[in-house]
Structures are given as structure tokens and as C-alpha cells.
Amino acid sequence: MRTRIRIVRGGFLALSLAMVASCERSAERVAASADRAMEVAASGTGDRSGPAAPIPPDSGSAIERDRQIFESTILRAQREGLPARPLGERIATLGSWFVGSEYIPGTLEVVPEGLVINLRQFDCVTFVESMLAMARVLGTPEPTFDRFMDEVRTIRYRDGVITGYASRLHYFSDWIHENEKRGIVKNITASLGGIPLTEPTSFMSSHRDLYSALQSPEVFAQVRAQEQALNSISRYWIPKAQIASIAGELQNGDIIAATSATEGLDIAHTGIVIRVDGKPHLMHAPLVGSVVEISERPLADRIQGISGQTGIMVARPTGN
């Protein structure tokens, strides 16, 4: 049964625009947090404690801090032999180093639309994108920060090109579809026994008042057309009652998209599989808890306890 609500608690689409994160820190604490982020990335100490450097996204020093965190993380990864490991293992390991990083919604909402890079703060989608992009770049001969930024752009935007607000892949089932077309992930939901998703996706156009960008008739028409195109493709999902039966098939680094009980919304939350004591857990940036974490309970048990999440889609990263 679908739920009709105006603001989606835990739904990244509505939250990114309808909620404002408030967090007051002194300049000294901000600098200390950024220094700690680089220390963790570079030294190998504090594994799974995670770098957290809450510099405001519009700070002039933010991009340089992100560059330093990236470069320190790459040095640590190279020192520990991570480039030689499978892509999924790289994603899971890199993600574990960022556990403890601050959850912040709405960091992508900049005007005009532009590429946002933030390795200090994440929401559930930017955490997945950042770890996937970093792991892919780590497998190249020259894992530079510029290449990382290009990889994020390719993953986040339709055809990898920024042409305005509507070019961003707002719906995560669309994100999976577009990145599968480019060979970045493989949607394995159907092969795991998934069933057809028949509920149409229309949350953004149905809740136009939540999105300032959709006040433009042109942008609204573009998003509405994208919804119609998304609804025309075959999509599959695995109901929550069946997750335990396919848990053994899930691998480190698999991308999990939790399907939503909210009418018109395809995905409520995203994260990365990391196996703990032989069982798949969810590594994610949740609203509740406010930091990147690894779920205490296995994935199947966790989703069973969340009424707003009905099941999952699974995308497996592919390539180098």
C-alpha cells in the first residue's frame, strides 16, 4: 500500500529541498575536523571512524580541502594495495574509511546548476556517488582529483553533461538505468528474483511546490517528460520479505536502493553493501544518526523494521 504524505521523511528527493540542516561550529572546530579527515585518510588510523570536515559548501577553501582529502585517501589506498582489488571491494573499503562523516541534505542544490564535490559531508546519494567514483578512478593509471570530478559528473548527470537542473538524475531508478547504459553498473534486481515495479513515478511533478527549480515552466516540462520516459521502461524490485532469501548473493560494494512506500516516489534511500560476519549490512548516510554509518542489523532485518521502505533494487558496479 502506498502512503500519501506531503513531506517524505527519509526520502532524499523531498528532503534535499524541503529540509534545512542547521549546525553551528566554531572556526577552530571546522579546521580541526578537516585536519582529522586528512589524518584518517592518510595515516590508516581510525579505520571506520571516518573523516568528517564540515566546511560550508560555499567556502573558498572547501574544494581545496576536498582535493586534499581525496589525495590523502588515494595515497592510503595505494599503500594498502587497494587498486589491485576488485571494484566492489574497493568501494566497500573506501566507504568504511568515511564512516562517521557528517550527514547533510541538499548539498547539490546550487543555482545555477553546477558540479558539487564534497568529501566532508554526504547525503545518501552523494555518499554512493563519491565512493563509486573514487573506486573507479583508483583503478586507473592516473587517479587524479580532476579525473574524480569528471567521474562524479558522468555518474550524476544524464549523458555525463550538465545542462541545467533537469540534467541531474533525480530519481534513483533513473540513475541506475542511465549508469547501466554507460556500463558503470549492472542492474541485477531481476536476476535476483525481482518482480515488476508497476507504480508510476511522479513525485516531483506531483509536488512541484517543494522544488524551487520546478517553478520554471520549461524545467517542469523537462522533468515531467523524464518521469514519463522512466515509467515506460521495465523496472524491477525485490519485496522486503524476500531480501533474506537473496542475501547470500549480495557482494561488497553492491549499491542498494530502498524502494519507497510513498506514492509516486521510486526510491526512499540508498547505500552500499558491506558484509559483516558473513552477512550483508548497509553502509549509508542516514538522516537518523546524522553521520555515515554501517547498519547494526543486517540489510534484510533493517528494512523489515522501516515502514516507509518496501524492498530494494540492486545495482552492481562494473568495470575496472
Protein backbone atom coordinates (compact mmCIF):
# COMPACT_ATOMS: atom_id res chain seq x y z
CA MET A 1 0.00 0.00 0.00
CA ARG A 2 1.28 3.44 -0.94
CA THR A 3 1.39 6.26 1.57
CA ARG A 4 0.20 9.75 0.73
CA ILE A 5 2.25 12.39 2.55
CA ARG A 6 3.44 15.82 1.68
CA ILE A 7 6.99 15.69 3.04
CA VAL A 8 8.82 12.38 2.78
CA ARG A 9 10.74 11.54 5.93
CA GLY A 10 13.85 9.76 4.70
CA GLY A 11 13.10 10.35 1.00
CA PHE A 12 16.14 12.06 -0.44
CA LEU A 13 14.25 13.86 -3.21
CA ALA A 14 11.96 15.84 -0.95
CA LEU A 15 14.39 16.17 1.91
CA SER A 16 17.09 17.71 -0.22
CA LEU A 17 14.81 20.68 -0.86
CA ALA A 18 12.30 20.74 1.99
CA MET A 19 14.70 20.45 4.91
CA VAL A 20 17.41 22.81 6.10
CA ALA A 21 20.34 21.41 8.02
CA SER A 22 21.43 23.63 10.91
CA CYS A 23 24.80 23.09 12.52
CA GLU A 24 26.85 25.68 14.40
CA ARG A 25 30.56 25.13 14.83
CA SER A 26 33.43 27.43 15.65
CA ALA A 27 36.09 28.13 13.02
CA GLU A 28 38.57 26.21 15.17
CA ARG A 29 36.37 23.10 15.25
CA VAL A 30 35.83 23.27 11.48
CA ALA A 31 39.56 23.40 10.84
CA ALA A 32 40.22 20.63 13.34
CA SER A 33 37.61 18.39 11.70
CA ALA A 34 39.12 18.92 8.26
CA ASP A 35 42.60 18.16 9.59
CA ARG A 36 41.27 14.99 11.21
CA ALA A 37 39.71 13.93 7.91
CA MET A 38 43.06 14.09 6.16
CA GLU A 39 44.82 12.43 9.07
CA VAL A 40 42.47 9.45 8.96
CA ALA A 41 42.72 9.15 5.19
CA ALA A 42 46.49 9.40 5.11
CA SER A 43 47.58 7.56 8.22
CA GLY A 44 45.43 4.49 8.21
CA THR A 45 44.45 5.14 11.81
CA GLY A 46 40.83 5.29 12.80
CA ASP A 47 39.54 2.82 10.21
CA ARG A 48 35.73 3.13 10.12
CA SER A 49 35.86 6.20 12.33
CA GLY A 50 35.67 8.27 9.17
CA PRO A 51 36.83 11.69 8.07
CA ALA A 52 34.37 14.45 8.83
CA ALA A 53 35.24 18.00 7.90
CA PRO A 54 32.13 20.20 7.97
CA ILE A 55 33.30 23.17 5.92
CA PRO A 56 30.36 25.01 4.36
CA PRO A 57 29.95 24.07 0.65
CA ASP A 58 30.33 27.70 -0.44
CA SER A 59 33.61 28.18 1.43
CA GLY A 60 36.51 29.25 -0.75
CA SER A 61 38.70 26.64 0.91
CA ALA A 62 36.19 23.80 0.56
CA ILE A 63 37.32 22.49 -2.83
CA GLU A 64 40.95 22.51 -1.74
CA ARG A 65 40.05 20.58 1.40
CA ASP A 66 38.21 18.06 -0.78
CA ARG A 67 41.25 17.79 -3.04
CA GLN A 68 43.49 17.14 -0.04
CA ILE A 69 41.11 14.53 1.39
CA PHE A 70 40.94 12.82 -1.99
CA GLU A 71 44.70 12.78 -2.48
CA SER A 72 45.34 11.56 1.06
CA THR A 73 42.76 8.81 0.61
CA ILE A 74 44.33 7.71 -2.68
CA LEU A 75 47.77 7.57 -1.06
CA ARG A 76 46.41 5.41 1.74
CA ALA A 77 44.63 3.15 -0.76
CA GLN A 78 47.79 2.71 -2.81
CA ARG A 79 49.82 1.96 0.30
CA GLU A 80 47.34 -0.74 1.30
CA GLY A 81 47.19 -2.31 -2.17
CA LEU A 82 43.58 -1.35 -2.81
CA PRO A 83 43.93 -0.66 -6.58
CA ALA A 84 44.58 -4.37 -7.23
CA ARG A 85 41.39 -5.47 -5.50
CA PRO A 86 38.01 -5.94 -7.29
CA LEU A 87 35.90 -2.83 -7.80
CA GLY A 88 33.28 -3.83 -5.24
CA GLU A 89 35.93 -4.43 -2.59
CA ARG A 90 37.45 -1.03 -3.32
CA ILE A 91 34.07 0.66 -2.90
CA ALA A 92 33.34 -1.07 0.40
CA THR A 93 36.79 -0.38 1.82
CA LEU A 94 36.83 3.28 0.78
CA GLY A 95 33.34 3.74 2.18
CA SER A 96 34.38 2.27 5.53
CA TRP A 97 37.09 4.94 5.82
CA PHE A 98 34.40 7.63 5.61
CA VAL A 99 32.15 6.16 8.29
CA GLY A 100 31.50 8.94 10.80
CA SER A 101 31.33 11.70 8.17
CA GLU A 102 28.52 14.18 8.65
CA TYR A 103 25.12 13.77 7.00
CA ILE A 104 23.98 16.96 5.26
CA PRO A 105 20.95 17.10 2.91
CA GLY A 106 20.61 19.41 -0.05
CA THR A 107 24.29 20.00 -0.84
CA LEU A 108 23.62 19.64 -4.58
CA GLU A 109 21.01 22.41 -4.64
CA VAL A 110 23.10 25.24 -6.09
CA VAL A 111 21.98 27.92 -8.54
CA PRO A 112 22.91 27.82 -11.33
CA GLU A 113 23.24 24.04 -11.55
CA GLY A 114 26.88 23.01 -11.30
CA LEU A 115 29.09 20.16 -10.21
CA VAL A 116 29.28 19.91 -6.42
CA ILE A 117 32.14 17.93 -4.87
CA ASN A 118 32.03 17.38 -1.11
CA LEU A 119 34.06 14.67 0.62
CA ARG A 120 33.41 16.17 4.05
CA GLN A 121 29.62 15.81 4.19
CA PHE A 122 27.23 13.46 2.43
CA ASP A 123 23.62 12.57 1.87
CA CYS A 124 22.65 9.02 0.97
CA VAL A 125 23.11 9.55 -2.78
CA THR A 126 26.27 11.67 -2.76
CA PHE A 127 27.92 9.08 -0.50
CA VAL A 128 27.21 6.33 -3.04
CA GLU A 129 28.31 8.51 -5.96
CA SER A 130 31.52 9.64 -4.27
CA MET A 131 32.63 6.14 -3.22
CA LEU A 132 31.79 4.68 -6.63
CA ALA A 133 33.65 7.46 -8.46
CA MET A 134 36.68 7.27 -6.20
CA ALA A 135 36.90 3.48 -6.50
CA ARG A 136 36.67 3.67 -10.30
CA VAL A 137 39.36 6.35 -10.50
CA LEU A 138 41.57 4.36 -8.15
CA GLY A 139 41.68 1.62 -10.78
CA THR A 140 43.12 3.93 -13.45
CA PRO A 141 46.81 4.64 -14.15
CA GLU A 142 46.43 8.28 -13.01
CA PRO A 143 43.92 8.63 -10.14
CA THR A 144 43.81 12.43 -10.06
CA PHE A 145 41.29 14.74 -8.40
CA ASP A 146 40.32 16.18 -11.79
CA ARG A 147 39.55 12.69 -13.06
CA PHE A 148 37.50 12.06 -9.92
CA MET A 149 35.44 15.19 -10.57
CA ASP A 150 34.85 14.06 -14.16
CA GLU A 151 33.74 10.66 -12.90
CA VAL A 152 31.24 12.19 -10.47
CA ARG A 153 29.86 14.33 -13.29
CA THR A 154 29.50 11.27 -15.52
CA ILE A 155 27.68 9.31 -12.82
CA ARG A 156 25.40 12.10 -11.59
CA TYR A 157 24.18 13.68 -14.83
CA ARG A 158 22.34 12.37 -17.86
CA ASP A 159 24.90 11.52 -20.53
CA GLY A 160 27.51 12.98 -18.16
CA VAL A 161 26.67 16.52 -19.26
CA ILE A 162 25.41 19.40 -17.10
CA THR A 163 22.78 21.36 -18.98
CA GLY A 164 20.73 22.62 -16.05
CA TYR A 165 18.67 21.28 -13.17
CA ALA A 166 16.81 18.70 -15.27
CA SER A 167 20.05 17.09 -16.45
CA ARG A 168 20.73 15.73 -12.96
CA LEU A 169 19.47 12.18 -12.37
CA HIS A 170 17.00 13.00 -9.59
CA TYR A 171 15.18 9.66 -9.48
CA PHE A 172 17.49 6.85 -8.38
CA SER A 173 15.86 4.18 -10.55
CA ASP A 174 16.65 6.53 -13.45
CA TRP A 175 20.20 6.86 -12.05
CA ILE A 176 20.54 3.07 -12.19
CA HIS A 177 19.10 2.89 -15.71
CA GLU A 178 21.35 5.61 -17.12
CA ASN A 179 24.51 4.32 -15.45
CA GLU A 180 23.77 0.80 -16.68
CA LYS A 181 23.57 2.15 -20.23
CA ARG A 182 27.07 3.59 -19.77
CA GLY A 183 28.47 0.35 -18.36
CA ILE A 184 29.08 1.79 -14.89
CA VAL A 185 26.67 -0.53 -13.06
CA LYS A 186 24.59 -3.59 -13.90
CA ASN A 187 21.04 -3.75 -12.56
CA ILE A 188 20.85 -7.27 -11.13
CA THR A 189 17.45 -6.87 -9.44
CA ALA A 190 15.54 -9.01 -11.96
CA SER A 191 18.16 -11.77 -11.92
CA LEU A 192 17.84 -11.94 -8.13
CA GLY A 193 14.14 -12.72 -8.48
CA GLY A 194 12.77 -9.20 -8.58
CA ILE A 195 9.21 -8.51 -9.68
CA PRO A 196 8.00 -5.72 -12.00
CA LEU A 197 7.58 -2.26 -10.49
CA THR A 198 4.17 -1.09 -11.65
CA GLU A 199 3.73 2.06 -9.55
CA PRO A 200 4.36 5.12 -11.77
CA THR A 201 6.97 7.63 -10.67
CA SER A 202 5.68 11.20 -10.44
CA PHE A 203 6.66 12.62 -7.07
CA MET A 204 8.49 15.70 -8.35
CA SER A 205 5.81 16.85 -10.78
CA SER A 206 3.09 15.99 -8.24
CA HIS A 207 4.85 18.05 -5.56
CA ARG A 208 6.02 20.95 -7.66
CA ASP A 209 5.80 23.34 -4.72
CA LEU A 210 8.66 21.53 -2.95
CA TYR A 211 11.15 22.26 -5.72
CA SER A 212 12.08 25.85 -6.47
CA ALA A 213 13.61 24.85 -9.81
CA LEU A 214 10.27 23.42 -10.95
CA GLN A 215 8.65 26.85 -10.78
CA SER A 216 10.16 27.34 -14.24
CA PRO A 217 7.63 26.01 -16.79
CA GLU A 218 10.47 24.84 -19.02
CA VAL A 219 12.24 22.87 -16.28
CA PHE A 220 8.94 21.46 -15.04
CA ALA A 221 8.14 20.20 -18.55
CA GLN A 222 11.58 18.60 -18.82
CA VAL A 223 11.20 16.76 -15.51
CA ARG A 224 7.68 15.65 -16.36
CA ALA A 225 8.92 14.25 -19.67
CA GLN A 226 11.69 12.40 -17.83
CA GLU A 227 9.13 10.86 -15.48
CA GLN A 228 7.09 9.66 -18.43
CA ALA A 229 10.18 8.16 -20.05
CA LEU A 230 11.18 6.46 -16.80
CA ASN A 231 7.71 4.97 -16.43
CA SER A 232 7.98 3.45 -19.90
CA ILE A 233 10.98 1.24 -19.08
CA SER A 234 10.89 -2.11 -17.29
CA ARG A 235 11.90 -1.76 -13.65
CA TYR A 236 12.06 -4.48 -11.01
CA TRP A 237 12.19 -4.57 -7.23
CA ILE A 238 12.65 -7.20 -4.52
CA PRO A 239 9.98 -7.04 -1.79
CA LYS A 240 11.38 -6.78 1.73
CA ALA A 241 10.09 -10.23 2.68
CA GLN A 242 12.35 -11.76 0.02
CA ILE A 243 15.59 -9.93 0.85
CA ALA A 244 16.79 -12.53 3.36
CA SER A 245 16.50 -15.26 0.72
CA ILE A 246 18.88 -13.45 -1.67
CA ALA A 247 21.25 -12.05 0.96
CA GLY A 248 23.90 -14.61 0.07
CA GLU A 249 24.04 -13.22 -3.47
CA LEU A 250 24.89 -9.69 -2.38
CA GLN A 251 28.53 -8.65 -2.62
CA ASN A 252 30.66 -5.94 -1.05
CA GLY A 253 30.18 -2.73 -2.99
CA ASP A 254 26.74 -3.55 -4.41
CA ILE A 255 24.52 -0.47 -4.48
CA ILE A 256 21.22 -0.80 -2.65
CA ALA A 257 18.22 1.40 -3.45
CA ALA A 258 15.36 1.00 -0.96
CA THR A 259 12.02 1.27 -2.73
CA SER A 260 9.56 3.75 -1.26
CA ALA A 261 6.07 3.34 0.19
CA THR A 262 5.31 6.94 -0.76
CA GLU A 263 3.04 7.43 -3.75
CA GLY A 264 4.96 8.49 -6.84
CA LEU A 265 8.42 8.12 -5.30
CA ASP A 266 10.58 5.28 -6.58
CA ILE A 267 13.41 5.21 -4.05
CA ALA A 268 13.47 6.33 -0.41
CA HIS A 269 17.11 5.67 0.48
CA THR A 270 20.41 4.39 -0.91
CA GLY A 271 23.55 2.77 0.41
CA ILE A 272 26.36 0.30 -0.18
CA VAL A 273 26.59 -3.36 0.81
CA ILE A 274 29.36 -4.27 3.23
CA ARG A 275 29.48 -7.79 4.60
CA VAL A 276 29.93 -8.10 8.36
CA ASP A 277 30.40 -11.57 9.85
CA GLY A 278 29.28 -13.05 6.55
CA LYS A 279 26.03 -11.05 6.33
CA PRO A 280 25.25 -8.02 4.12
CA HIS A 281 24.83 -4.81 6.08
CA LEU A 282 24.06 -1.33 4.72
CA MET A 283 26.78 1.33 4.74
CA HIS A 284 24.96 4.61 4.23
CA ALA A 285 24.41 8.25 5.14
CA PRO A 286 21.13 8.20 7.09
CA LEU A 287 19.04 11.12 8.27
CA VAL A 288 18.65 9.42 11.64
CA GLY A 289 22.03 9.43 13.34
CA SER A 290 23.41 12.28 11.21
CA VAL A 291 26.64 10.50 10.21
CA VAL A 292 27.71 7.88 7.70
CA GLU A 293 27.35 4.51 9.38
CA ILE A 294 27.24 0.75 8.92
CA SER A 295 23.86 -0.58 9.98
CA GLU A 296 23.84 -2.50 13.24
CA ARG A 297 21.42 -5.06 11.80
CA PRO A 298 21.82 -6.97 8.53
CA LEU A 299 20.18 -5.37 5.49
CA ALA A 300 17.10 -7.63 5.46
CA ASP A 301 16.38 -7.07 9.14
CA ARG A 302 16.94 -3.33 8.88
CA ILE A 303 14.47 -2.80 6.04
CA GLN A 304 11.88 -5.06 7.67
CA GLY A 305 11.71 -2.56 10.51
CA ILE A 306 11.14 0.52 8.29
CA SER A 307 7.53 1.02 7.20
CA GLY A 308 8.41 3.60 4.56
CA GLN A 309 10.68 1.18 2.66
CA THR A 310 9.03 -1.68 0.77
CA GLY A 311 12.02 -3.53 -0.69
CA ILE A 312 15.16 -2.96 -2.73
CA MET A 313 16.72 -2.58 -6.14
CA VAL A 314 20.33 -3.77 -6.53
CA ALA A 315 22.95 -2.34 -8.89
CA ARG A 316 26.37 -3.99 -9.13
CA PRO A 317 29.28 -1.72 -10.13
CA THR A 318 31.11 -2.95 -13.22
CA GLY A 319 34.35 -2.12 -14.98
CA ASN A 320 37.91 -1.74 -13.75
